Each structure stands twice: as structure tokens, then as C-alpha cells.
Amino acid sequence: MDLCNRNLCMLANNVSDAGFTPVIDWAIPDRRQLDLFVSLLPARQVLFVVLTPGIEVCRYRNTVREPRERFDFDGYECLDADMKRELGDVGWWFDTAALTADQTADQVIREARHRALVR
């Protein structure tokens, strides 16, 4: 997993150096992993956005996806509790329960720079 995290950050650095804004869509379950990402992106402003539609909304959305696009995961409660405990005061915890994917993306683009900066 550490190699994967390092590769994601290396790719993000390369994309940024090419003049684009990289987005890493990845589960960051704890402070150790977030700190690793921040350390591997030293010249970058790291914005940490946690999409929090709620466990039931996650489950529902998964059921209405095409079968090949589903992500079956039974650890929502544990992951949610662990992330809130370790990362609840970091970044922007964004409740997306009532939003579409497009609405979520639009709001992240508009507000993340002001709400999600990791210090």
C-alpha cells in the first residue's frame, strides 16, 4: 500500500508540474496516511475533501449502479468512525447526500481552496 501511495503522489506531482490540477480520489483512513501524502507533496497546497453522504446513502447509491461499477464494502461504519476520530478536524467534511455527482464536483471546484486546505 505504501508503494501505491507513493506512486499516486509522484503522479500528482508530475501532473501539477505539467500545469494541471491533480485530484487524488483515494480513501485516506488515518492521519498517518494523510501525513505521508502531505510529505510527498511538499511543494503543493494539499486540499483534503472528505465526501460524507452517510452510510445509508453510500449503500443506496451502490445498489443503483450498474453491476460492473459497484463497490461492495462492508466496513462503512468502522471506516467512518476511524476517520472521524483521526481526521475529523482536518480539511472539509462535505455532506453530499442531497447532491448529484455533477453538483458535488461543481461545489468542490468552487469551495475547496477555501475550506479544505491542510495546514
PDB file of N, CA and C in Angstrom:
ATOM      1  N   MET A   1       0.825  -1.190   0.000  1.00  0.00           N
ATOM      2  CA  MET A   1       0.000   0.000   0.000  1.00  0.00           C
ATOM      3  C   MET A   1       0.873   1.258   0.000  1.00  0.00           C
ATOM      4  N   ASP A   2       1.979   1.222   0.711  1.00  0.00           N
ATOM      5  CA  ASP A   2       2.859   2.385   0.764  1.00  0.00           C
ATOM      6  C   ASP A   2       3.377   2.729  -0.633  1.00  0.00           C
ATOM      7  N   LEU A   3       3.739   1.716  -1.415  1.00  0.00           N
ATOM      8  CA  LEU A   3       4.219   1.953  -2.776  1.00  0.00           C
ATOM      9  C   LEU A   3       3.124   2.598  -3.626  1.00  0.00           C
ATOM     10  N   CYS A   4       1.912   2.135  -3.481  1.00  0.00           N
ATOM     11  CA  CYS A   4       0.782   2.712  -4.217  1.00  0.00           C
ATOM     12  C   CYS A   4       0.600   4.186  -3.844  1.00  0.00           C
ATOM     13  N   ASN A   5       0.657   4.496  -2.554  1.00  0.00           N
ATOM     14  CA  ASN A   5       0.519   5.886  -2.104  1.00  0.00           C
ATOM     15  C   ASN A   5       1.634   6.760  -2.667  1.00  0.00           C
ATOM     16  N   ARG A   6       2.843   6.238  -2.652  1.00  0.00           N
ATOM     17  CA  ARG A   6       3.976   6.994  -3.194  1.00  0.00           C
ATOM     18  C   ARG A   6       3.803   7.242  -4.694  1.00  0.00           C
ATOM     19  N   ASN A   7       3.339   6.223  -5.406  1.00  0.00           N
ATOM     20  CA  ASN A   7       3.125   6.373  -6.846  1.00  0.00           C
ATOM     21  C   ASN A   7       2.020   7.383  -7.147  1.00  0.00           C
ATOM     22  N   LEU A   8       0.948   7.374  -6.355  1.00  0.00           N
ATOM     23  CA  LEU A   8      -0.124   8.359  -6.544  1.00  0.00           C
ATOM     24  C   LEU A   8       0.414   9.779  -6.386  1.00  0.00           C
ATOM     25  N   CYS A   9       1.227   9.986  -5.363  1.00  0.00           N
ATOM     26  CA  CYS A   9       1.777  11.322  -5.116  1.00  0.00           C
ATOM     27  C   CYS A   9       2.778  11.721  -6.195  1.00  0.00           C
ATOM     28  N   MET A  10       3.575  10.773  -6.668  1.00  0.00           N
ATOM     29  CA  MET A  10       4.519  11.066  -7.737  1.00  0.00           C
ATOM     30  C   MET A  10       3.762  11.476  -9.008  1.00  0.00           C
ATOM     31  N   LEU A  11       2.700  10.749  -9.318  1.00  0.00           N
ATOM     32  CA  LEU A  11       1.886  11.097 -10.479  1.00  0.00           C
ATOM     33  C   LEU A  11       1.250  12.479 -10.298  1.00  0.00           C
ATOM     34  N   ALA A  12       0.740  12.762  -9.102  1.00  0.00           N
ATOM     35  CA  ALA A  12       0.139  14.077  -8.837  1.00  0.00           C
ATOM     36  C   ALA A  12       1.169  15.193  -9.011  1.00  0.00           C
ATOM     37  N   ASN A  13       2.384  14.971  -8.537  1.00  0.00           N
ATOM     38  CA  ASN A  13       3.441  15.969  -8.720  1.00  0.00           C
ATOM     39  C   ASN A  13       3.730  16.192 -10.204  1.00  0.00           C
ATOM     40  N   ASN A  14       3.801  15.110 -10.982  1.00  0.00           N
ATOM     41  CA  ASN A  14       4.070  15.225 -12.416  1.00  0.00           C
ATOM     42  C   ASN A  14       2.946  15.969 -13.136  1.00  0.00           C
ATOM     43  N   VAL A  15       1.704  15.665 -12.784  1.00  0.00           N
ATOM     44  CA  VAL A  15       0.548  16.332 -13.390  1.00  0.00           C
ATOM     45  C   VAL A  15       0.574  17.822 -13.051  1.00  0.00           C
ATOM     46  N   SER A  16       0.878  18.141 -11.802  1.00  0.00           N
ATOM     47  CA  SER A  16       0.954  19.541 -11.384  1.00  0.00           C
ATOM     48  C   SER A  16       2.081  20.272 -12.110  1.00  0.00           C
ATOM     49  N   ASP A  17       3.233  19.616 -12.224  1.00  0.00           N
ATOM     50  CA  ASP A  17       4.363  20.224 -12.931  1.00  0.00           C
ATOM     51  C   ASP A  17       4.032  20.506 -14.397  1.00  0.00           C
ATOM     52  N   ALA A  18       3.110  19.735 -14.960  1.00  0.00           N
ATOM     53  CA  ALA A  18       2.695  19.926 -16.353  1.00  0.00           C
ATOM     54  C   ALA A  18       1.623  21.010 -16.486  1.00  0.00           C
ATOM     55  N   GLY A  19       1.226  21.616 -15.354  1.00  0.00           N
ATOM     56  CA  GLY A  19       0.290  22.726 -15.401  1.00  0.00           C
ATOM     57  C   GLY A  19      -1.163  22.378 -15.157  1.00  0.00           C
ATOM     58  N   PHE A  20      -1.415  21.162 -14.700  1.00  0.00           N
ATOM     59  CA  PHE A  20      -2.782  20.733 -14.426  1.00  0.00           C
ATOM     60  C   PHE A  20      -2.998  20.595 -12.924  1.00  0.00           C
ATOM     61  N   THR A  21      -4.246  20.624 -12.501  1.00  0.00           N
ATOM     62  CA  THR A  21      -4.577  20.424 -11.093  1.00  0.00           C
ATOM     63  C   THR A  21      -4.891  18.950 -10.874  1.00  0.00           C
ATOM     64  N   PRO A  22      -4.038  18.248 -10.131  1.00  0.00           N
ATOM     65  CA  PRO A  22      -4.303  16.827  -9.891  1.00  0.00           C
ATOM     66  C   PRO A  22      -5.356  16.633  -8.802  1.00  0.00           C
ATOM     67  N   VAL A  23      -6.137  15.589  -8.953  1.00  0.00           N
ATOM     68  CA  VAL A  23      -7.100  15.169  -7.939  1.00  0.00           C
ATOM     69  C   VAL A  23      -6.804  13.710  -7.635  1.00  0.00           C
ATOM     70  N   ILE A  24      -6.562  13.407  -6.377  1.00  0.00           N
ATOM     71  CA  ILE A  24      -6.339  12.025  -5.954  1.00  0.00           C
ATOM     72  C   ILE A  24      -7.620  11.551  -5.294  1.00  0.00           C
ATOM     73  N   ASP A  25      -8.326  10.667  -5.962  1.00  0.00           N
ATOM     74  CA  ASP A  25      -9.583  10.106  -5.453  1.00  0.00           C
ATOM     75  C   ASP A  25      -9.225   8.800  -4.758  1.00  0.00           C
ATOM     76  N   TRP A  26      -9.063   8.877  -3.444  1.00  0.00           N
ATOM     77  CA  TRP A  26      -8.488   7.756  -2.698  1.00  0.00           C
ATOM     78  C   TRP A  26      -8.980   7.804  -1.265  1.00  0.00           C
ATOM     79  N   ALA A  27      -9.186   6.677  -0.665  1.00  0.00           N
ATOM     80  CA  ALA A  27      -9.566   6.641   0.753  1.00  0.00           C
ATOM     81  C   ALA A  27      -8.324   6.879   1.611  1.00  0.00           C
ATOM     82  N   ILE A  28      -8.392   7.887   2.454  1.00  0.00           N
ATOM     83  CA  ILE A  28      -7.315   8.213   3.399  1.00  0.00           C
ATOM     84  C   ILE A  28      -7.879   7.902   4.783  1.00  0.00           C
ATOM     85  N   PRO A  29      -7.604   6.724   5.316  1.00  0.00           N
ATOM     86  CA  PRO A  29      -8.292   6.282   6.531  1.00  0.00           C
ATOM     87  C   PRO A  29      -7.764   6.848   7.843  1.00  0.00           C
ATOM     88  N   ASP A  30      -6.535   7.385   7.831  1.00  0.00           N
ATOM     89  CA  ASP A  30      -5.973   7.816   9.114  1.00  0.00           C
ATOM     90  C   ASP A  30      -4.956   8.933   8.915  1.00  0.00           C
ATOM     91  N   ARG A  31      -4.545   9.514  10.030  1.00  0.00           N
ATOM     92  CA  ARG A  31      -3.618  10.653   9.999  1.00  0.00           C
ATOM     93  C   ARG A  31      -2.259  10.253   9.438  1.00  0.00           C
ATOM     94  N   ARG A  32      -1.811   9.042   9.734  1.00  0.00           N
ATOM     95  CA  ARG A  32      -0.513   8.594   9.228  1.00  0.00           C
ATOM     96  C   ARG A  32      -0.478   8.646   7.704  1.00  0.00           C
ATOM     97  N   GLN A  33      -1.531   8.167   7.070  1.00  0.00           N
ATOM     98  CA  GLN A  33      -1.555   8.166   5.608  1.00  0.00           C
ATOM     99  C   GLN A  33      -1.680   9.586   5.058  1.00  0.00           C
ATOM    100  N   LEU A  34      -2.486  10.424   5.687  1.00  0.00           N
ATOM    101  CA  LEU A  34      -2.581  11.815   5.233  1.00  0.00           C
ATOM    102  C   LEU A  34      -1.232  12.511   5.374  1.00  0.00           C
ATOM    103  N   ASP A  35      -0.561  12.302   6.494  1.00  0.00           N
ATOM    104  CA  ASP A  35       0.755  12.909   6.697  1.00  0.00           C
ATOM    105  C   ASP A  35       1.751  12.435   5.642  1.00  0.00           C
ATOM    106  N   LEU A  36       1.661  11.158   5.248  1.00  0.00           N
ATOM    107  CA  LEU A  36       2.536  10.640   4.194  1.00  0.00           C
ATOM    108  C   LEU A  36       2.270  11.389   2.889  1.00  0.00           C
ATOM    109  N   PHE A  37       1.007  11.540   2.530  1.00  0.00           N
ATOM    110  CA  PHE A  37       0.676  12.257   1.298  1.00  0.00           C
ATOM    111  C   PHE A  37       1.207  13.685   1.351  1.00  0.00           C
ATOM    112  N   VAL A  38       0.977  14.374   2.454  1.00  0.00           N
ATOM    113  CA  VAL A  38       1.441  15.760   2.580  1.00  0.00           C
ATOM    114  C   VAL A  38       2.964  15.819   2.451  1.00  0.00           C
ATOM    115  N   SER A  39       3.665  14.866   3.055  1.00  0.00           N
ATOM    116  CA  SER A  39       5.131  14.865   2.980  1.00  0.00           C
ATOM    117  C   SER A  39       5.630  14.577   1.565  1.00  0.00           C
ATOM    118  N   LEU A  40       4.856  13.833   0.785  1.00  0.00           N
ATOM    119  CA  LEU A  40       5.254  13.501  -0.584  1.00  0.00           C
ATOM    120  C   LEU A  40       4.818  14.562  -1.597  1.00  0.00           C
ATOM    121  N   LEU A  41       4.082  15.552  -1.130  1.00  0.00           N
ATOM    122  CA  LEU A  41       3.629  16.663  -1.979  1.00  0.00           C
ATOM    123  C   LEU A  41       4.101  17.985  -1.365  1.00  0.00           C
ATOM    124  N   PRO A  42       5.409  18.111  -1.094  1.00  0.00           N
ATOM    125  CA  PRO A  42       5.897  19.237  -0.289  1.00  0.00           C
ATOM    126  C   PRO A  42       5.719  20.609  -0.928  1.00  0.00           C
ATOM    127  N   ALA A  43       5.730  20.689  -2.234  1.00  0.00           N
ATOM    128  CA  ALA A  43       5.633  21.993  -2.893  1.00  0.00           C
ATOM    129  C   ALA A  43       4.198  22.324  -3.292  1.00  0.00           C
ATOM    130  N   ARG A  44       3.255  21.528  -2.798  1.00  0.00           N
ATOM    131  CA  ARG A  44       1.862  21.683  -3.226  1.00  0.00           C
ATOM    132  C   ARG A  44       0.977  22.121  -2.068  1.00  0.00           C
ATOM    133  N   GLN A  45      -0.089  22.823  -2.395  1.00  0.00           N
ATOM    134  CA  GLN A  45      -1.152  23.060  -1.424  1.00  0.00           C
ATOM    135  C   GLN A  45      -2.010  21.804  -1.437  1.00  0.00           C
ATOM    136  N   VAL A  46      -2.073  21.115  -0.326  1.00  0.00           N
ATOM    137  CA  VAL A  46      -2.882  19.898  -0.249  1.00  0.00           C
ATOM    138  C   VAL A  46      -4.261  20.268   0.290  1.00  0.00           C
ATOM    139  N   LEU A  47      -5.273  19.919  -0.481  1.00  0.00           N
ATOM    140  CA  LEU A  47      -6.663  20.128  -0.088  1.00  0.00           C
ATOM    141  C   LEU A  47      -7.244  18.759   0.215  1.00  0.00           C
ATOM    142  N   PHE A  48      -7.839  18.618   1.388  1.00  0.00           N
ATOM    143  CA  PHE A  48      -8.377  17.334   1.830  1.00  0.00           C
ATOM    144  C   PHE A  48      -9.890  17.456   1.932  1.00  0.00           C
ATOM    145  N   VAL A  49     -10.586  16.800   1.007  1.00  0.00           N
ATOM    146  CA  VAL A  49     -12.047  16.827   0.976  1.00  0.00           C
ATOM    147  C   VAL A  49     -12.544  15.419   1.256  1.00  0.00           C
ATOM    148  N   VAL A  50     -13.379  15.293   2.273  1.00  0.00           N
ATOM    149  CA  VAL A  50     -14.000  14.007   2.607  1.00  0.00           C
ATOM    150  C   VAL A  50     -15.475  14.111   2.240  1.00  0.00           C
ATOM    151  N   LEU A  51     -15.895  13.312   1.277  1.00  0.00           N
ATOM    152  CA  LEU A  51     -17.304  13.295   0.891  1.00  0.00           C
ATOM    153  C   LEU A  51     -18.051  12.442   1.903  1.00  0.00           C
ATOM    154  N   THR A  52     -19.067  13.026   2.534  1.00  0.00           N
ATOM    155  CA  THR A  52     -19.764  12.343   3.631  1.00  0.00           C
ATOM    156  C   THR A  52     -21.274  12.304   3.411  1.00  0.00           C
ATOM    157  N   PRO A  53     -21.722  11.507   2.449  1.00  0.00           N
ATOM    158  CA  PRO A  53     -23.166  11.428   2.236  1.00  0.00           C
ATOM    159  C   PRO A  53     -23.883  10.595   3.290  1.00  0.00           C
ATOM    160  N   GLY A  54     -23.137   9.868   4.079  1.00  0.00           N
ATOM    161  CA  GLY A  54     -23.731   8.977   5.078  1.00  0.00           C
ATOM    162  C   GLY A  54     -23.726   7.539   4.587  1.00  0.00           C
ATOM    163  N   ILE A  55     -23.715   6.646   5.534  1.00  0.00           N
ATOM    164  CA  ILE A  55     -23.583   5.225   5.228  1.00  0.00           C
ATOM    165  C   ILE A  55     -24.760   4.714   4.406  1.00  0.00           C
ATOM    166  N   GLU A  56     -25.969   5.079   4.783  1.00  0.00           N
ATOM    167  CA  GLU A  56     -27.147   4.579   4.056  1.00  0.00           C
ATOM    168  C   GLU A  56     -27.185   5.096   2.622  1.00  0.00           C
ATOM    169  N   VAL A  57     -26.790   6.337   2.415  1.00  0.00           N
ATOM    170  CA  VAL A  57     -26.749   6.888   1.060  1.00  0.00           C
ATOM    171  C   VAL A  57     -25.687   6.163   0.236  1.00  0.00           C
ATOM    172  N   CYS A  58     -24.534   5.882   0.832  1.00  0.00           N
ATOM    173  CA  CYS A  58     -23.492   5.119   0.126  1.00  0.00           C
ATOM    174  C   CYS A  58     -24.021   3.764  -0.309  1.00  0.00           C
ATOM    175  N   ARG A  59     -24.683   3.090   0.596  1.00  0.00           N
ATOM    176  CA  ARG A  59     -25.231   1.768   0.262  1.00  0.00           C
ATOM    177  C   ARG A  59     -26.274   1.872  -0.850  1.00  0.00           C
ATOM    178  N   TYR A  60     -27.167   2.844  -0.737  1.00  0.00           N
ATOM    179  CA  TYR A  60     -28.204   3.009  -1.759  1.00  0.00           C
ATOM    180  C   TYR A  60     -27.577   3.307  -3.120  1.00  0.00           C
ATOM    181  N   ARG A  61     -26.665   4.249  -3.159  1.00  0.00           N
ATOM    182  CA  ARG A  61     -26.030   4.610  -4.437  1.00  0.00           C
ATOM    183  C   ARG A  61     -25.345   3.409  -5.066  1.00  0.00           C
ATOM    184  N   ASN A  62     -24.770   2.569  -4.245  1.00  0.00           N
ATOM    185  CA  ASN A  62     -24.113   1.381  -4.773  1.00  0.00           C
ATOM    186  C   ASN A  62     -25.125   0.438  -5.419  1.00  0.00           C
ATOM    187  N   THR A  63     -26.326   0.330  -4.840  1.00  0.00           N
ATOM    188  CA  THR A  63     -27.326  -0.594  -5.390  1.00  0.00           C
ATOM    189  C   THR A  63     -27.876  -0.124  -6.731  1.00  0.00           C
ATOM    190  N   VAL A  64     -27.848   1.172  -7.010  1.00  0.00           N
ATOM    191  CA  VAL A  64     -28.402   1.661  -8.272  1.00  0.00           C
ATOM    192  C   VAL A  64     -27.352   1.800  -9.372  1.00  0.00           C
ATOM    193  N   ARG A  65     -26.124   1.456  -9.074  1.00  0.00           N
ATOM    194  CA  ARG A  65     -25.076   1.460 -10.100  1.00  0.00           C
ATOM    195  C   ARG A  65     -25.199   0.209 -10.967  1.00  0.00           C
ATOM    196  N   GLU A  66     -24.631   0.298 -12.149  1.00  0.00           N
ATOM    197  CA  GLU A  66     -24.502  -0.897 -12.982  1.00  0.00           C
ATOM    198  C   GLU A  66     -23.673  -1.915 -12.200  1.00  0.00           C
ATOM    199  N   PRO A  67     -23.995  -3.195 -12.313  1.00  0.00           N
ATOM    200  CA  PRO A  67     -23.272  -4.210 -11.528  1.00  0.00           C
ATOM    201  C   PRO A  67     -21.752  -4.125 -11.653  1.00  0.00           C
ATOM    202  N   ARG A  68     -21.241  -3.850 -12.832  1.00  0.00           N
ATOM    203  CA  ARG A  68     -19.775  -3.799 -13.006  1.00  0.00           C
ATOM    204  C   ARG A  68     -19.153  -2.562 -12.361  1.00  0.00           C
ATOM    205  N   GLU A  69     -19.974  -1.571 -12.002  1.00  0.00           N
ATOM    206  CA  GLU A  69     -19.480  -0.339 -11.382  1.00  0.00           C
ATOM    207  C   GLU A  69     -19.660  -0.326  -9.868  1.00  0.00           C
ATOM    208  N   ARG A  70     -20.241  -1.374  -9.320  1.00  0.00           N
ATOM    209  CA  ARG A  70     -20.488  -1.410  -7.874  1.00  0.00           C
ATOM    210  C   ARG A  70     -19.196  -1.636  -7.105  1.00  0.00           C
ATOM    211  N   PHE A  71     -19.201  -1.094  -5.902  1.00  0.00           N
ATOM    212  CA  PHE A  71     -18.077  -1.270  -4.984  1.00  0.00           C
ATOM    213  C   PHE A  71     -18.658  -1.833  -3.699  1.00  0.00           C
ATOM    214  N   ASP A  72     -18.564  -3.134  -3.547  1.00  0.00           N
ATOM    215  CA  ASP A  72     -19.124  -3.779  -2.362  1.00  0.00           C
ATOM    216  C   ASP A  72     -18.131  -3.691  -1.218  1.00  0.00           C
ATOM    217  N   PHE A  73     -18.594  -3.109  -0.123  1.00  0.00           N
ATOM    218  CA  PHE A  73     -17.727  -2.848   1.025  1.00  0.00           C
ATOM    219  C   PHE A  73     -18.572  -2.931   2.282  1.00  0.00           C
ATOM    220  N   ASP A  74     -18.150  -3.750   3.216  1.00  0.00           N
ATOM    221  CA  ASP A  74     -18.918  -3.948   4.443  1.00  0.00           C
ATOM    222  C   ASP A  74     -18.372  -3.168   5.634  1.00  0.00           C
ATOM    223  N   GLY A  75     -17.333  -2.385   5.450  1.00  0.00           N
ATOM    224  CA  GLY A  75     -16.698  -1.725   6.578  1.00  0.00           C
ATOM    225  C   GLY A  75     -17.027  -0.258   6.743  1.00  0.00           C
ATOM    226  N   TYR A  76     -18.169   0.206   6.211  1.00  0.00           N
ATOM    227  CA  TYR A  76     -18.501   1.633   6.280  1.00  0.00           C
ATOM    228  C   TYR A  76     -18.466   2.176   7.704  1.00  0.00           C
ATOM    229  N   GLU A  77     -19.144   1.489   8.620  1.00  0.00           N
ATOM    230  CA  GLU A  77     -19.260   2.013   9.986  1.00  0.00           C
ATOM    231  C   GLU A  77     -17.898   2.182  10.639  1.00  0.00           C
ATOM    232  N   CYS A  78     -17.056   1.182  10.505  1.00  0.00           N
ATOM    233  CA  CYS A  78     -15.723   1.219  11.114  1.00  0.00           C
ATOM    234  C   CYS A  78     -14.859   2.303  10.461  1.00  0.00           C
ATOM    235  N   LEU A  79     -14.859   2.348   9.127  1.00  0.00           N
ATOM    236  CA  LEU A  79     -14.070   3.358   8.424  1.00  0.00           C
ATOM    237  C   LEU A  79     -14.544   4.764   8.789  1.00  0.00           C
ATOM    238  N   ASP A  80     -15.848   4.966   8.815  1.00  0.00           N
ATOM    239  CA  ASP A  80     -16.414   6.270   9.160  1.00  0.00           C
ATOM    240  C   ASP A  80     -15.988   6.692  10.570  1.00  0.00           C
ATOM    241  N   ALA A  81     -16.105   5.794  11.520  1.00  0.00           N
ATOM    242  CA  ALA A  81     -15.736   6.109  12.909  1.00  0.00           C
ATOM    243  C   ALA A  81     -14.242   6.393  13.032  1.00  0.00           C
ATOM    244  N   ASP A  82     -13.417   5.569  12.389  1.00  0.00           N
ATOM    245  CA  ASP A  82     -11.964   5.763  12.454  1.00  0.00           C
ATOM    246  C   ASP A  82     -11.554   7.097  11.830  1.00  0.00           C
ATOM    247  N   MET A  83     -12.132   7.399  10.676  1.00  0.00           N
ATOM    248  CA  MET A  83     -11.771   8.650  10.007  1.00  0.00           C
ATOM    249  C   MET A  83     -12.202   9.864  10.825  1.00  0.00           C
ATOM    250  N   LYS A  84     -13.394   9.816  11.385  1.00  0.00           N
ATOM    251  CA  LYS A  84     -13.853  10.944  12.210  1.00  0.00           C
ATOM    252  C   LYS A  84     -12.961  11.127  13.428  1.00  0.00           C
ATOM    253  N   ARG A  85     -12.542  10.027  14.034  1.00  0.00           N
ATOM    254  CA  ARG A  85     -11.690  10.103  15.222  1.00  0.00           C
ATOM    255  C   ARG A  85     -10.322  10.692  14.872  1.00  0.00           C
ATOM    256  N   GLU A  86      -9.725  10.228  13.787  1.00  0.00           N
ATOM    257  CA  GLU A  86      -8.359  10.642  13.458  1.00  0.00           C
ATOM    258  C   GLU A  86      -8.278  11.900  12.600  1.00  0.00           C
ATOM    259  N   LEU A  87      -9.306  12.153  11.794  1.00  0.00           N
ATOM    260  CA  LEU A  87      -9.208  13.225  10.809  1.00  0.00           C
ATOM    261  C   LEU A  87     -10.359  14.223  10.871  1.00  0.00           C
ATOM    262  N   GLY A  88     -11.200  14.112  11.873  1.00  0.00           N
ATOM    263  CA  GLY A  88     -12.395  14.940  11.947  1.00  0.00           C
ATOM    264  C   GLY A  88     -12.153  16.433  11.971  1.00  0.00           C
ATOM    265  N   ASP A  89     -10.952  16.845  12.352  1.00  0.00           N
ATOM    266  CA  ASP A  89     -10.645  18.277  12.425  1.00  0.00           C
ATOM    267  C   ASP A  89      -9.769  18.748  11.265  1.00  0.00           C
ATOM    268  N   VAL A  90      -9.644  17.915  10.235  1.00  0.00           N
ATOM    269  CA  VAL A  90      -8.767  18.226   9.107  1.00  0.00           C
ATOM    270  C   VAL A  90      -9.603  18.384   7.838  1.00  0.00           C
ATOM    271  N   GLY A  91      -9.304  19.398   7.062  1.00  0.00           N
ATOM    272  CA  GLY A  91      -9.923  19.543   5.753  1.00  0.00           C
ATOM    273  C   GLY A  91     -11.394  19.901   5.802  1.00  0.00           C
ATOM    274  N   TRP A  92     -12.089  19.505   4.753  1.00  0.00           N
ATOM    275  CA  TRP A  92     -13.507  19.831   4.567  1.00  0.00           C
ATOM    276  C   TRP A  92     -14.304  18.544   4.513  1.00  0.00           C
ATOM    277  N   TRP A  93     -15.171  18.349   5.474  1.00  0.00           N
ATOM    278  CA  TRP A  93     -16.075  17.200   5.521  1.00  0.00           C
ATOM    279  C   TRP A  93     -17.379  17.663   4.881  1.00  0.00           C
ATOM    280  N   PHE A  94     -17.630  17.190   3.686  1.00  0.00           N
ATOM    281  CA  PHE A  94     -18.662  17.723   2.810  1.00  0.00           C
ATOM    282  C   PHE A  94     -19.805  16.714   2.674  1.00  0.00           C
ATOM    283  N   ASP A  95     -20.962  17.072   3.224  1.00  0.00           N
ATOM    284  CA  ASP A  95     -22.148  16.212   3.151  1.00  0.00           C
ATOM    285  C   ASP A  95     -22.749  16.329   1.753  1.00  0.00           C
ATOM    286  N   THR A  96     -22.675  15.256   1.006  1.00  0.00           N
ATOM    287  CA  THR A  96     -23.133  15.244  -0.384  1.00  0.00           C
ATOM    288  C   THR A  96     -24.401  14.422  -0.573  1.00  0.00           C
ATOM    289  N   ALA A  97     -25.086  14.109   0.507  1.00  0.00           N
ATOM    290  CA  ALA A  97     -26.249  13.216   0.438  1.00  0.00           C
ATOM    291  C   ALA A  97     -27.317  13.710  -0.532  1.00  0.00           C
ATOM    292  N   ALA A  98     -27.538  15.008  -0.594  1.00  0.00           N
ATOM    293  CA  ALA A  98     -28.615  15.549  -1.425  1.00  0.00           C
ATOM    294  C   ALA A  98     -28.130  16.029  -2.790  1.00  0.00           C
ATOM    295  N   LEU A  99     -26.874  15.762  -3.118  1.00  0.00           N
ATOM    296  CA  LEU A  99     -26.294  16.289  -4.351  1.00  0.00           C
ATOM    297  C   LEU A  99     -26.012  15.187  -5.366  1.00  0.00           C
ATOM    298  N   THR A 100     -26.062  15.559  -6.635  1.00  0.00           N
ATOM    299  CA  THR A 100     -25.630  14.651  -7.694  1.00  0.00           C
ATOM    300  C   THR A 100     -24.102  14.706  -7.775  1.00  0.00           C
ATOM    301  N   ALA A 101     -23.538  13.818  -8.562  1.00  0.00           N
ATOM    302  CA  ALA A 101     -22.086  13.835  -8.756  1.00  0.00           C
ATOM    303  C   ALA A 101     -21.644  15.161  -9.383  1.00  0.00           C
ATOM    304  N   ASP A 102     -22.392  15.651 -10.366  1.00  0.00           N
ATOM    305  CA  ASP A 102     -22.037  16.922 -11.003  1.00  0.00           C
ATOM    306  C   ASP A 102     -22.131  18.092 -10.028  1.00  0.00           C
ATOM    307  N   GLN A 103     -23.169  18.114  -9.211  1.00  0.00           N
ATOM    308  CA  GLN A 103     -23.314  19.184  -8.217  1.00  0.00           C
ATOM    309  C   GLN A 103     -22.177  19.130  -7.201  1.00  0.00           C
ATOM    310  N   THR A 104     -21.812  17.923  -6.800  1.00  0.00           N
ATOM    311  CA  THR A 104     -20.703  17.751  -5.858  1.00  0.00           C
ATOM    312  C   THR A 104     -19.414  18.285  -6.459  1.00  0.00           C
ATOM    313  N   ALA A 105     -19.117  17.887  -7.694  1.00  0.00           N
ATOM    314  CA  ALA A 105     -17.888  18.339  -8.355  1.00  0.00           C
ATOM    315  C   ALA A 105     -17.867  19.857  -8.491  1.00  0.00           C
ATOM    316  N   ASP A 106     -18.990  20.444  -8.891  1.00  0.00           N
ATOM    317  CA  ASP A 106     -19.051  21.902  -9.037  1.00  0.00           C
ATOM    318  C   ASP A 106     -18.771  22.612  -7.717  1.00  0.00           C
ATOM    319  N   GLN A 107     -19.349  22.113  -6.640  1.00  0.00           N
ATOM    320  CA  GLN A 107     -19.150  22.760  -5.340  1.00  0.00           C
ATOM    321  C   GLN A 107     -17.720  22.566  -4.842  1.00  0.00           C
ATOM    322  N   VAL A 108     -17.140  21.403  -5.079  1.00  0.00           N
ATOM    323  CA  VAL A 108     -15.741  21.180  -4.691  1.00  0.00           C
ATOM    324  C   VAL A 108     -14.845  22.160  -5.440  1.00  0.00           C
ATOM    325  N   ILE A 109     -15.073  22.319  -6.730  1.00  0.00           N
ATOM    326  CA  ILE A 109     -14.259  23.250  -7.515  1.00  0.00           C
ATOM    327  C   ILE A 109     -14.391  24.673  -6.971  1.00  0.00           C
ATOM    328  N   ARG A 110     -15.600  25.079  -6.618  1.00  0.00           N
ATOM    329  CA  ARG A 110     -15.828  26.448  -6.115  1.00  0.00           C
ATOM    330  C   ARG A 110     -15.261  26.680  -4.717  1.00  0.00           C
ATOM    331  N   GLU A 111     -15.355  25.687  -3.829  1.00  0.00           N
ATOM    332  CA  GLU A 111     -15.112  25.950  -2.409  1.00  0.00           C
ATOM    333  C   GLU A 111     -13.896  25.270  -1.779  1.00  0.00           C
ATOM    334  N   ALA A 112     -13.333  24.279  -2.416  1.00  0.00           N
ATOM    335  CA  ALA A 112     -12.270  23.500  -1.759  1.00  0.00           C
ATOM    336  C   ALA A 112     -11.075  24.351  -1.352  1.00  0.00           C
ATOM    337  N   ARG A 113     -10.665  25.266  -2.189  1.00  0.00           N
ATOM    338  CA  ARG A 113      -9.488  26.086  -1.855  1.00  0.00           C
ATOM    339  C   ARG A 113      -9.679  26.879  -0.565  1.00  0.00           C
ATOM    340  N   HIS A 114     -10.912  27.175  -0.236  1.00  0.00           N
ATOM    341  CA  HIS A 114     -11.208  27.964   0.965  1.00  0.00           C
ATOM    342  C   HIS A 114     -11.542  27.101   2.177  1.00  0.00           C
ATOM    343  N   ARG A 115     -11.941  25.850   1.943  1.00  0.00           N
ATOM    344  CA  ARG A 115     -12.447  25.037   3.044  1.00  0.00           C
ATOM    345  C   ARG A 115     -11.614  23.797   3.356  1.00  0.00           C
ATOM    346  N   ALA A 116     -10.718  23.397   2.456  1.00  0.00           N
ATOM    347  CA  ALA A 116     -10.101  22.077   2.584  1.00  0.00           C
ATOM    348  C   ALA A 116      -8.589  22.081   2.756  1.00  0.00           C
ATOM    349  N   LEU A 117      -7.985  23.244   2.899  1.00  0.00           N
ATOM    350  CA  LEU A 117      -6.527  23.315   2.985  1.00  0.00           C
ATOM    351  C   LEU A 117      -6.010  22.592   4.224  1.00  0.00           C
ATOM    352  N   VAL A 118      -5.025  21.723   4.011  1.00  0.00           N
ATOM    353  CA  VAL A 118      -4.365  21.022   5.127  1.00  0.00           C
ATOM    354  C   VAL A 118      -3.221  21.904   5.589  1.00  0.00           C
ATOM    355  N   ARG A 119      -3.214  22.210   6.869  1.00  0.00           N
ATOM    356  CA  ARG A 119      -2.167  23.086   7.426  1.00  0.00           C
ATOM    357  C   ARG A 119      -1.199  22.291   8.254  1.00  0.00           C
TER     358      ARG A 119
END
